């Protein structure tokens, strides 16, 4: 049975995500990774796979990705909206839409990609732990600038 979340919990989860993504945007990779449970999984095209990857593996890849952004002096901004939360048996299902913007001296600001994010979380003391995250991302980050393709 799905339980309705109290409004206070809804806003608490929105703050949790705002804080987490703000940490990622300012280069706080370890702070961002810390909210993932030790057995957490992530599924995303960014890692080059369509199947879940355990934290031990995706953490190393996230660190390398973040280091490459830092080395190239590329800033990121995550813009999120459309949050929906539901709970079942003590686990919260989260869904939201995200835009990933990048800013660098050579190209200025541009949209890198957009994604629908699905996550499972559980309360852990006074905060939340991410159990799994699926990022259904488009391919904007892989496209080269140029005229739109026909059709």
N, C-alpha and C. Protein backbone atom coordinates (compact mmCIF):
# COMPACT_ATOMS: atom_id res chain seq x y z
N UNK A 1 0.83 -1.18 0.00
CA UNK A 1 0.00 0.00 0.00
C UNK A 1 0.89 1.26 0.00
N UNK A 2 0.55 2.20 -0.84
CA UNK A 2 1.29 3.45 -0.92
C UNK A 2 0.76 4.42 0.13
N UNK A 3 1.66 5.01 0.89
CA UNK A 3 1.28 5.97 1.92
C UNK A 3 1.49 7.39 1.41
N UNK A 4 0.56 8.27 1.75
CA UNK A 4 0.73 9.68 1.42
C UNK A 4 1.79 10.27 2.33
N UNK A 5 2.62 11.12 1.78
CA UNK A 5 3.65 11.77 2.58
C UNK A 5 3.10 13.04 3.20
N UNK A 6 3.42 13.30 4.44
CA UNK A 6 3.04 14.59 5.03
C UNK A 6 3.71 15.72 4.25
N UNK A 7 3.06 16.86 4.19
CA UNK A 7 3.60 18.01 3.46
C UNK A 7 4.99 18.38 3.97
N UNK A 8 5.21 18.30 5.27
CA UNK A 8 6.53 18.64 5.84
C UNK A 8 7.61 17.70 5.28
N UNK A 9 7.29 16.43 5.09
CA UNK A 9 8.26 15.48 4.53
C UNK A 9 8.53 15.79 3.06
N UNK A 10 7.50 16.18 2.34
CA UNK A 10 7.66 16.58 0.94
C UNK A 10 8.68 17.72 0.84
N UNK A 11 8.52 18.74 1.66
CA UNK A 11 9.44 19.88 1.62
C UNK A 11 10.83 19.50 2.15
N UNK A 12 10.88 18.60 3.10
CA UNK A 12 12.17 18.12 3.60
C UNK A 12 12.94 17.41 2.48
N UNK A 13 12.25 16.59 1.70
CA UNK A 13 12.89 15.89 0.59
C UNK A 13 13.32 16.86 -0.52
N UNK A 14 12.53 17.87 -0.78
CA UNK A 14 12.93 18.88 -1.77
C UNK A 14 14.20 19.59 -1.31
N UNK A 15 14.30 19.92 -0.02
CA UNK A 15 15.49 20.56 0.54
C UNK A 15 16.68 19.61 0.45
N UNK A 16 16.45 18.34 0.74
CA UNK A 16 17.50 17.32 0.63
C UNK A 16 18.09 17.34 -0.78
N UNK A 17 17.24 17.30 -1.79
CA UNK A 17 17.74 17.31 -3.17
C UNK A 17 18.40 18.63 -3.53
N UNK A 18 17.85 19.74 -3.09
CA UNK A 18 18.47 21.05 -3.36
C UNK A 18 19.88 21.10 -2.77
N UNK A 19 20.02 20.63 -1.54
CA UNK A 19 21.34 20.62 -0.89
C UNK A 19 22.30 19.68 -1.60
N UNK A 20 21.81 18.51 -1.97
CA UNK A 20 22.66 17.53 -2.63
C UNK A 20 23.16 18.05 -3.98
N UNK A 21 22.29 18.61 -4.78
CA UNK A 21 22.70 19.08 -6.10
C UNK A 21 23.54 20.35 -6.01
N UNK A 22 23.29 21.17 -5.01
CA UNK A 22 24.13 22.35 -4.80
C UNK A 22 25.56 21.92 -4.46
N UNK A 23 25.69 20.86 -3.67
CA UNK A 23 27.03 20.33 -3.35
C UNK A 23 27.72 19.86 -4.62
N UNK A 24 27.00 19.19 -5.47
CA UNK A 24 27.59 18.70 -6.73
C UNK A 24 28.02 19.87 -7.61
N UNK A 25 27.17 20.89 -7.69
CA UNK A 25 27.48 22.05 -8.53
C UNK A 25 28.72 22.81 -8.07
N UNK A 26 28.96 22.83 -6.78
CA UNK A 26 30.12 23.58 -6.28
C UNK A 26 31.35 22.69 -6.12
N UNK A 27 31.25 21.46 -6.61
CA UNK A 27 32.42 20.57 -6.60
C UNK A 27 32.53 19.70 -5.37
N UNK A 28 31.49 19.62 -4.55
CA UNK A 28 31.51 18.79 -3.35
C UNK A 28 31.16 17.34 -3.67
N UNK A 29 31.99 16.70 -4.47
CA UNK A 29 31.72 15.34 -4.92
C UNK A 29 31.53 14.37 -3.75
N UNK A 30 32.42 14.43 -2.77
CA UNK A 30 32.33 13.49 -1.64
C UNK A 30 31.07 13.74 -0.82
N UNK A 31 30.71 14.99 -0.65
CA UNK A 31 29.47 15.34 0.06
C UNK A 31 28.27 14.77 -0.70
N UNK A 32 28.29 14.89 -2.03
CA UNK A 32 27.21 14.37 -2.87
C UNK A 32 27.14 12.85 -2.77
N UNK A 33 28.29 12.18 -2.83
CA UNK A 33 28.32 10.72 -2.76
C UNK A 33 27.91 10.19 -1.39
N UNK A 34 28.13 10.97 -0.34
CA UNK A 34 27.88 10.51 1.02
C UNK A 34 26.42 10.16 1.29
N UNK A 35 25.49 10.71 0.54
CA UNK A 35 24.08 10.43 0.80
C UNK A 35 23.63 9.10 0.20
N UNK A 36 24.49 8.48 -0.61
CA UNK A 36 24.14 7.19 -1.19
C UNK A 36 24.48 6.08 -0.21
N UNK A 37 23.56 5.16 -0.02
CA UNK A 37 23.78 4.00 0.83
C UNK A 37 24.98 3.22 0.28
N UNK A 38 25.67 2.50 1.14
CA UNK A 38 26.84 1.73 0.70
C UNK A 38 26.50 0.72 -0.39
N UNK A 39 25.27 0.20 -0.38
CA UNK A 39 24.83 -0.77 -1.39
C UNK A 39 23.99 -0.13 -2.49
N UNK A 40 24.00 1.19 -2.58
CA UNK A 40 23.19 1.90 -3.56
C UNK A 40 23.59 1.53 -4.98
N UNK A 41 22.63 1.68 -5.89
CA UNK A 41 22.90 1.48 -7.30
C UNK A 41 22.50 2.73 -8.08
N UNK A 42 23.14 2.88 -9.24
CA UNK A 42 22.77 3.97 -10.14
C UNK A 42 22.73 3.41 -11.56
N UNK A 43 21.73 3.86 -12.30
CA UNK A 43 21.60 3.49 -13.70
C UNK A 43 21.53 4.77 -14.50
N UNK A 44 22.47 4.97 -15.43
CA UNK A 44 22.50 6.18 -16.25
C UNK A 44 23.38 5.97 -17.47
N UNK A 45 23.01 6.60 -18.58
CA UNK A 45 23.83 6.55 -19.80
C UNK A 45 25.19 7.20 -19.58
N UNK A 46 25.28 8.12 -18.62
CA UNK A 46 26.55 8.81 -18.37
C UNK A 46 27.64 7.80 -18.04
N UNK A 47 27.26 6.71 -17.39
CA UNK A 47 28.23 5.67 -17.04
C UNK A 47 28.39 4.65 -18.18
N UNK A 48 27.67 4.88 -19.27
CA UNK A 48 27.80 4.01 -20.43
C UNK A 48 27.10 2.67 -20.29
N UNK A 49 26.16 2.57 -19.38
CA UNK A 49 25.46 1.31 -19.17
C UNK A 49 23.97 1.57 -18.98
N UNK A 50 23.18 0.55 -19.33
CA UNK A 50 21.74 0.64 -19.09
C UNK A 50 21.32 -0.21 -17.90
N UNK A 51 22.29 -0.81 -17.21
CA UNK A 51 21.97 -1.63 -16.05
C UNK A 51 22.54 -0.97 -14.79
N UNK A 52 22.02 -1.33 -13.64
CA UNK A 52 22.47 -0.72 -12.39
C UNK A 52 23.95 -0.98 -12.10
N UNK A 53 24.61 0.05 -11.55
CA UNK A 53 26.02 -0.03 -11.16
C UNK A 53 26.08 0.24 -9.66
N UNK A 54 26.81 -0.58 -8.94
CA UNK A 54 26.96 -0.42 -7.49
C UNK A 54 27.79 0.82 -7.14
N UNK A 55 27.58 1.36 -5.95
CA UNK A 55 28.25 2.58 -5.52
C UNK A 55 29.76 2.48 -5.63
N UNK A 56 30.35 1.37 -5.28
CA UNK A 56 31.80 1.24 -5.33
C UNK A 56 32.33 1.56 -6.73
N UNK A 57 31.56 1.21 -7.75
CA UNK A 57 31.98 1.48 -9.12
C UNK A 57 31.57 2.87 -9.58
N UNK A 58 30.30 3.26 -9.34
CA UNK A 58 29.89 4.56 -9.85
C UNK A 58 30.57 5.70 -9.11
N UNK A 59 30.95 5.51 -7.85
CA UNK A 59 31.63 6.58 -7.11
C UNK A 59 32.96 6.94 -7.78
N UNK A 60 33.71 5.95 -8.21
CA UNK A 60 34.98 6.21 -8.89
C UNK A 60 34.75 6.95 -10.20
N UNK A 61 33.72 6.58 -10.94
CA UNK A 61 33.43 7.23 -12.21
C UNK A 61 32.93 8.66 -12.01
N UNK A 62 32.15 8.89 -10.97
CA UNK A 62 31.67 10.25 -10.66
C UNK A 62 32.86 11.13 -10.28
N UNK A 63 33.76 10.60 -9.47
CA UNK A 63 34.96 11.37 -9.09
C UNK A 63 35.77 11.77 -10.32
N UNK A 64 35.96 10.83 -11.25
CA UNK A 64 36.71 11.12 -12.47
C UNK A 64 35.98 12.14 -13.34
N UNK A 65 34.68 12.01 -13.46
CA UNK A 65 33.89 12.96 -14.24
C UNK A 65 33.99 14.36 -13.64
N UNK A 66 33.82 14.46 -12.33
CA UNK A 66 33.89 15.76 -11.67
C UNK A 66 35.28 16.37 -11.78
N UNK A 67 36.31 15.55 -11.70
CA UNK A 67 37.68 16.05 -11.84
C UNK A 67 37.89 16.60 -13.25
N UNK A 68 37.31 15.94 -14.26
CA UNK A 68 37.48 16.42 -15.64
C UNK A 68 36.79 17.77 -15.83
N UNK A 69 35.63 17.96 -15.21
CA UNK A 69 34.97 19.26 -15.28
C UNK A 69 35.83 20.33 -14.62
N UNK A 70 36.38 19.99 -13.46
CA UNK A 70 37.22 20.94 -12.73
C UNK A 70 38.47 21.32 -13.54
N UNK A 71 39.12 20.34 -14.11
CA UNK A 71 40.33 20.58 -14.90
C UNK A 71 40.06 21.48 -16.10
N UNK A 72 38.88 21.33 -16.70
CA UNK A 72 38.53 22.13 -17.88
C UNK A 72 37.85 23.44 -17.50
N UNK A 73 37.74 23.70 -16.19
CA UNK A 73 37.08 24.90 -15.66
C UNK A 73 35.66 25.06 -16.17
N UNK A 74 34.94 23.94 -16.18
CA UNK A 74 33.54 23.92 -16.57
C UNK A 74 32.70 23.91 -15.30
N UNK A 75 31.78 24.84 -15.22
CA UNK A 75 30.86 24.88 -14.09
C UNK A 75 29.57 24.18 -14.49
N UNK A 76 28.93 23.54 -13.52
CA UNK A 76 27.65 22.87 -13.76
C UNK A 76 26.57 23.51 -12.92
N UNK A 77 25.37 23.43 -13.42
CA UNK A 77 24.19 23.85 -12.66
C UNK A 77 23.09 22.84 -12.92
N UNK A 78 22.54 22.32 -11.84
CA UNK A 78 21.40 21.41 -11.93
C UNK A 78 20.14 22.20 -11.60
N UNK A 79 19.19 22.19 -12.49
CA UNK A 79 17.90 22.85 -12.26
C UNK A 79 16.84 21.76 -12.20
N UNK A 80 16.16 21.64 -11.08
CA UNK A 80 15.20 20.55 -10.90
C UNK A 80 13.81 21.09 -10.60
N UNK A 81 12.80 20.34 -11.03
CA UNK A 81 11.42 20.70 -10.73
C UNK A 81 10.51 19.49 -10.97
N UNK A 82 9.24 19.66 -10.65
CA UNK A 82 8.25 18.60 -10.88
C UNK A 82 8.40 17.42 -9.94
N UNK A 83 8.72 17.69 -8.69
CA UNK A 83 8.91 16.60 -7.73
C UNK A 83 7.60 15.86 -7.46
N UNK A 84 7.70 14.54 -7.38
CA UNK A 84 6.59 13.69 -6.95
C UNK A 84 7.18 12.64 -6.01
N UNK A 85 6.56 12.47 -4.87
CA UNK A 85 7.04 11.51 -3.87
C UNK A 85 5.90 10.61 -3.45
N UNK A 86 6.22 9.35 -3.19
CA UNK A 86 5.26 8.42 -2.60
C UNK A 86 6.06 7.49 -1.68
N UNK A 87 5.36 6.89 -0.74
CA UNK A 87 6.04 6.02 0.23
C UNK A 87 5.35 4.66 0.27
N UNK A 88 6.18 3.65 0.50
CA UNK A 88 5.66 2.30 0.65
C UNK A 88 6.61 1.52 1.52
N UNK A 89 6.12 0.98 2.60
CA UNK A 89 6.92 0.15 3.50
C UNK A 89 8.20 0.85 3.96
N UNK A 90 8.12 2.15 4.25
CA UNK A 90 9.25 2.90 4.76
C UNK A 90 10.25 3.37 3.72
N UNK A 91 9.98 3.08 2.45
CA UNK A 91 10.85 3.52 1.36
C UNK A 91 10.10 4.58 0.56
N UNK A 92 10.78 5.69 0.29
CA UNK A 92 10.19 6.77 -0.48
C UNK A 92 10.63 6.64 -1.93
N UNK A 93 9.67 6.72 -2.82
CA UNK A 93 9.94 6.76 -4.26
C UNK A 93 9.89 8.23 -4.65
N UNK A 94 10.94 8.71 -5.28
CA UNK A 94 11.01 10.10 -5.73
C UNK A 94 11.11 10.13 -7.24
N UNK A 95 10.50 11.15 -7.82
CA UNK A 95 10.59 11.36 -9.26
C UNK A 95 10.65 12.86 -9.50
N UNK A 96 11.58 13.29 -10.34
CA UNK A 96 11.65 14.71 -10.68
C UNK A 96 12.37 14.89 -12.00
N UNK A 97 12.23 16.07 -12.57
CA UNK A 97 12.82 16.42 -13.85
C UNK A 97 14.01 17.33 -13.60
N UNK A 98 15.09 17.12 -14.35
CA UNK A 98 16.30 17.92 -14.15
C UNK A 98 16.87 18.39 -15.48
N UNK A 99 17.35 19.62 -15.47
CA UNK A 99 18.13 20.16 -16.58
C UNK A 99 19.56 20.32 -16.09
N UNK A 100 20.53 19.93 -16.90
CA UNK A 100 21.93 20.04 -16.55
C UNK A 100 22.56 21.09 -17.45
N UNK A 101 22.96 22.19 -16.87
CA UNK A 101 23.57 23.28 -17.62
C UNK A 101 25.06 23.28 -17.35
N UNK A 102 25.84 23.66 -18.36
CA UNK A 102 27.28 23.82 -18.18
C UNK A 102 27.67 25.21 -18.64
N UNK A 103 28.69 25.75 -17.98
CA UNK A 103 29.19 27.08 -18.31
C UNK A 103 30.71 27.00 -18.39
N UNK A 104 31.27 27.47 -19.51
CA UNK A 104 32.71 27.57 -19.62
C UNK A 104 33.07 28.81 -20.44
N UNK A 105 34.33 29.21 -20.37
CA UNK A 105 34.77 30.44 -21.03
C UNK A 105 34.65 30.35 -22.55
N UNK A 106 34.89 29.19 -23.11
CA UNK A 106 34.88 29.05 -24.57
C UNK A 106 33.48 29.10 -25.17
N UNK A 107 32.51 28.48 -24.51
CA UNK A 107 31.17 28.35 -25.08
C UNK A 107 30.08 29.09 -24.33
N UNK A 108 30.39 29.62 -23.18
CA UNK A 108 29.36 30.28 -22.38
C UNK A 108 28.44 29.25 -21.74
N UNK A 109 27.21 29.64 -21.48
CA UNK A 109 26.25 28.75 -20.85
C UNK A 109 25.47 27.99 -21.92
N UNK A 110 25.25 26.70 -21.64
CA UNK A 110 24.47 25.90 -22.58
C UNK A 110 23.83 24.72 -21.84
N UNK A 111 22.76 24.24 -22.42
CA UNK A 111 22.10 23.06 -21.90
C UNK A 111 22.89 21.84 -22.32
N UNK A 112 23.28 21.02 -21.35
CA UNK A 112 23.99 19.79 -21.69
C UNK A 112 23.01 18.65 -21.88
N UNK A 113 22.05 18.54 -20.96
CA UNK A 113 21.08 17.46 -21.09
C UNK A 113 19.89 17.71 -20.18
N UNK A 114 18.90 16.89 -20.38
CA UNK A 114 17.71 16.90 -19.54
C UNK A 114 17.46 15.45 -19.12
N UNK A 115 16.83 15.27 -17.98
CA UNK A 115 16.61 13.91 -17.51
C UNK A 115 15.40 13.82 -16.60
N UNK A 116 14.78 12.65 -16.60
CA UNK A 116 13.79 12.30 -15.61
C UNK A 116 14.52 11.39 -14.63
N UNK A 117 14.46 11.73 -13.36
CA UNK A 117 15.19 10.99 -12.34
C UNK A 117 14.21 10.27 -11.43
N UNK A 118 14.47 9.01 -11.21
CA UNK A 118 13.69 8.18 -10.30
C UNK A 118 14.64 7.70 -9.21
N UNK A 119 14.22 7.80 -7.96
CA UNK A 119 15.09 7.36 -6.87
C UNK A 119 14.27 6.68 -5.79
N UNK A 120 14.94 5.83 -5.05
CA UNK A 120 14.37 5.20 -3.86
C UNK A 120 15.22 5.65 -2.69
N UNK A 121 14.56 6.11 -1.62
CA UNK A 121 15.27 6.61 -0.44
C UNK A 121 14.65 6.02 0.82
N UNK A 122 15.43 6.06 1.88
CA UNK A 122 14.89 5.71 3.20
C UNK A 122 15.47 6.69 4.21
N UNK A 123 14.71 6.90 5.25
CA UNK A 123 15.17 7.80 6.31
C UNK A 123 16.34 7.14 7.03
N UNK A 124 17.32 7.95 7.35
CA UNK A 124 18.50 7.48 8.06
C UNK A 124 18.83 8.54 9.10
N UNK A 125 18.42 8.31 10.33
CA UNK A 125 18.61 9.31 11.38
C UNK A 125 17.83 10.57 11.01
N UNK A 126 18.50 11.70 10.99
CA UNK A 126 17.83 12.96 10.67
C UNK A 126 17.89 13.34 9.21
N UNK A 127 18.32 12.42 8.34
CA UNK A 127 18.42 12.75 6.93
C UNK A 127 17.90 11.59 6.09
N UNK A 128 18.31 11.54 4.85
CA UNK A 128 17.86 10.51 3.91
C UNK A 128 19.07 9.83 3.28
N UNK A 129 18.89 8.58 2.91
CA UNK A 129 19.91 7.81 2.18
C UNK A 129 19.28 7.37 0.86
N UNK A 130 20.04 7.52 -0.22
CA UNK A 130 19.59 7.08 -1.53
C UNK A 130 19.93 5.61 -1.68
N UNK A 131 18.92 4.80 -1.98
CA UNK A 131 19.11 3.37 -2.18
C UNK A 131 19.38 3.04 -3.64
N UNK A 132 18.70 3.77 -4.52
CA UNK A 132 18.92 3.59 -5.95
C UNK A 132 18.51 4.86 -6.69
N UNK A 133 19.14 5.06 -7.83
CA UNK A 133 18.79 6.20 -8.68
C UNK A 133 18.88 5.76 -10.14
N UNK A 134 17.84 6.09 -10.88
CA UNK A 134 17.80 5.84 -12.33
C UNK A 134 17.65 7.19 -12.99
N UNK A 135 18.59 7.50 -13.88
CA UNK A 135 18.57 8.77 -14.59
C UNK A 135 18.28 8.47 -16.05
N UNK A 136 17.06 8.80 -16.47
CA UNK A 136 16.66 8.60 -17.86
C UNK A 136 17.03 9.87 -18.61
N UNK A 137 18.20 9.85 -19.20
CA UNK A 137 18.79 11.05 -19.77
C UNK A 137 18.72 11.02 -21.29
N UNK A 138 18.53 12.19 -21.87
CA UNK A 138 18.57 12.27 -23.32
C UNK A 138 20.03 12.35 -23.77
N UNK A 139 20.26 12.54 -25.04
CA UNK A 139 21.62 12.53 -25.58
C UNK A 139 22.15 13.92 -25.92
N UNK A 140 21.59 14.97 -25.35
CA UNK A 140 22.05 16.31 -25.69
C UNK A 140 23.53 16.48 -25.42
N UNK A 141 24.04 15.88 -24.37
CA UNK A 141 25.44 16.02 -24.01
C UNK A 141 26.38 15.39 -25.03
N UNK A 142 25.86 14.52 -25.87
CA UNK A 142 26.70 13.86 -26.87
C UNK A 142 26.59 14.52 -28.25
N UNK A 143 25.65 15.43 -28.39
CA UNK A 143 25.45 16.06 -29.69
C UNK A 143 26.46 17.14 -29.94
N UNK A 144 26.89 17.27 -31.16
CA UNK A 144 27.78 18.36 -31.55
C UNK A 144 26.91 19.50 -32.06
N UNK A 145 27.34 20.76 -31.84
CA UNK A 145 26.56 21.87 -32.36
C UNK A 145 26.47 21.78 -33.89
N UNK A 146 25.37 22.18 -34.42
CA UNK A 146 25.20 22.18 -35.86
C UNK A 146 23.73 22.31 -36.21
N UNK A 147 23.43 22.27 -37.47
CA UNK A 147 22.03 22.41 -37.88
C UNK A 147 21.22 21.20 -37.43
N UNK A 148 19.94 21.40 -37.19
CA UNK A 148 19.10 20.26 -36.80
C UNK A 148 19.03 19.23 -37.92
N UNK A 149 18.93 17.99 -37.53
CA UNK A 149 18.83 16.93 -38.53
C UNK A 149 17.41 16.91 -39.10
N UNK A 150 17.26 16.54 -40.37
CA UNK A 150 15.93 16.50 -40.97
C UNK A 150 15.08 15.41 -40.35
N UNK A 151 13.77 15.67 -40.35
CA UNK A 151 12.81 14.66 -39.93
C UNK A 151 12.69 14.56 -38.49
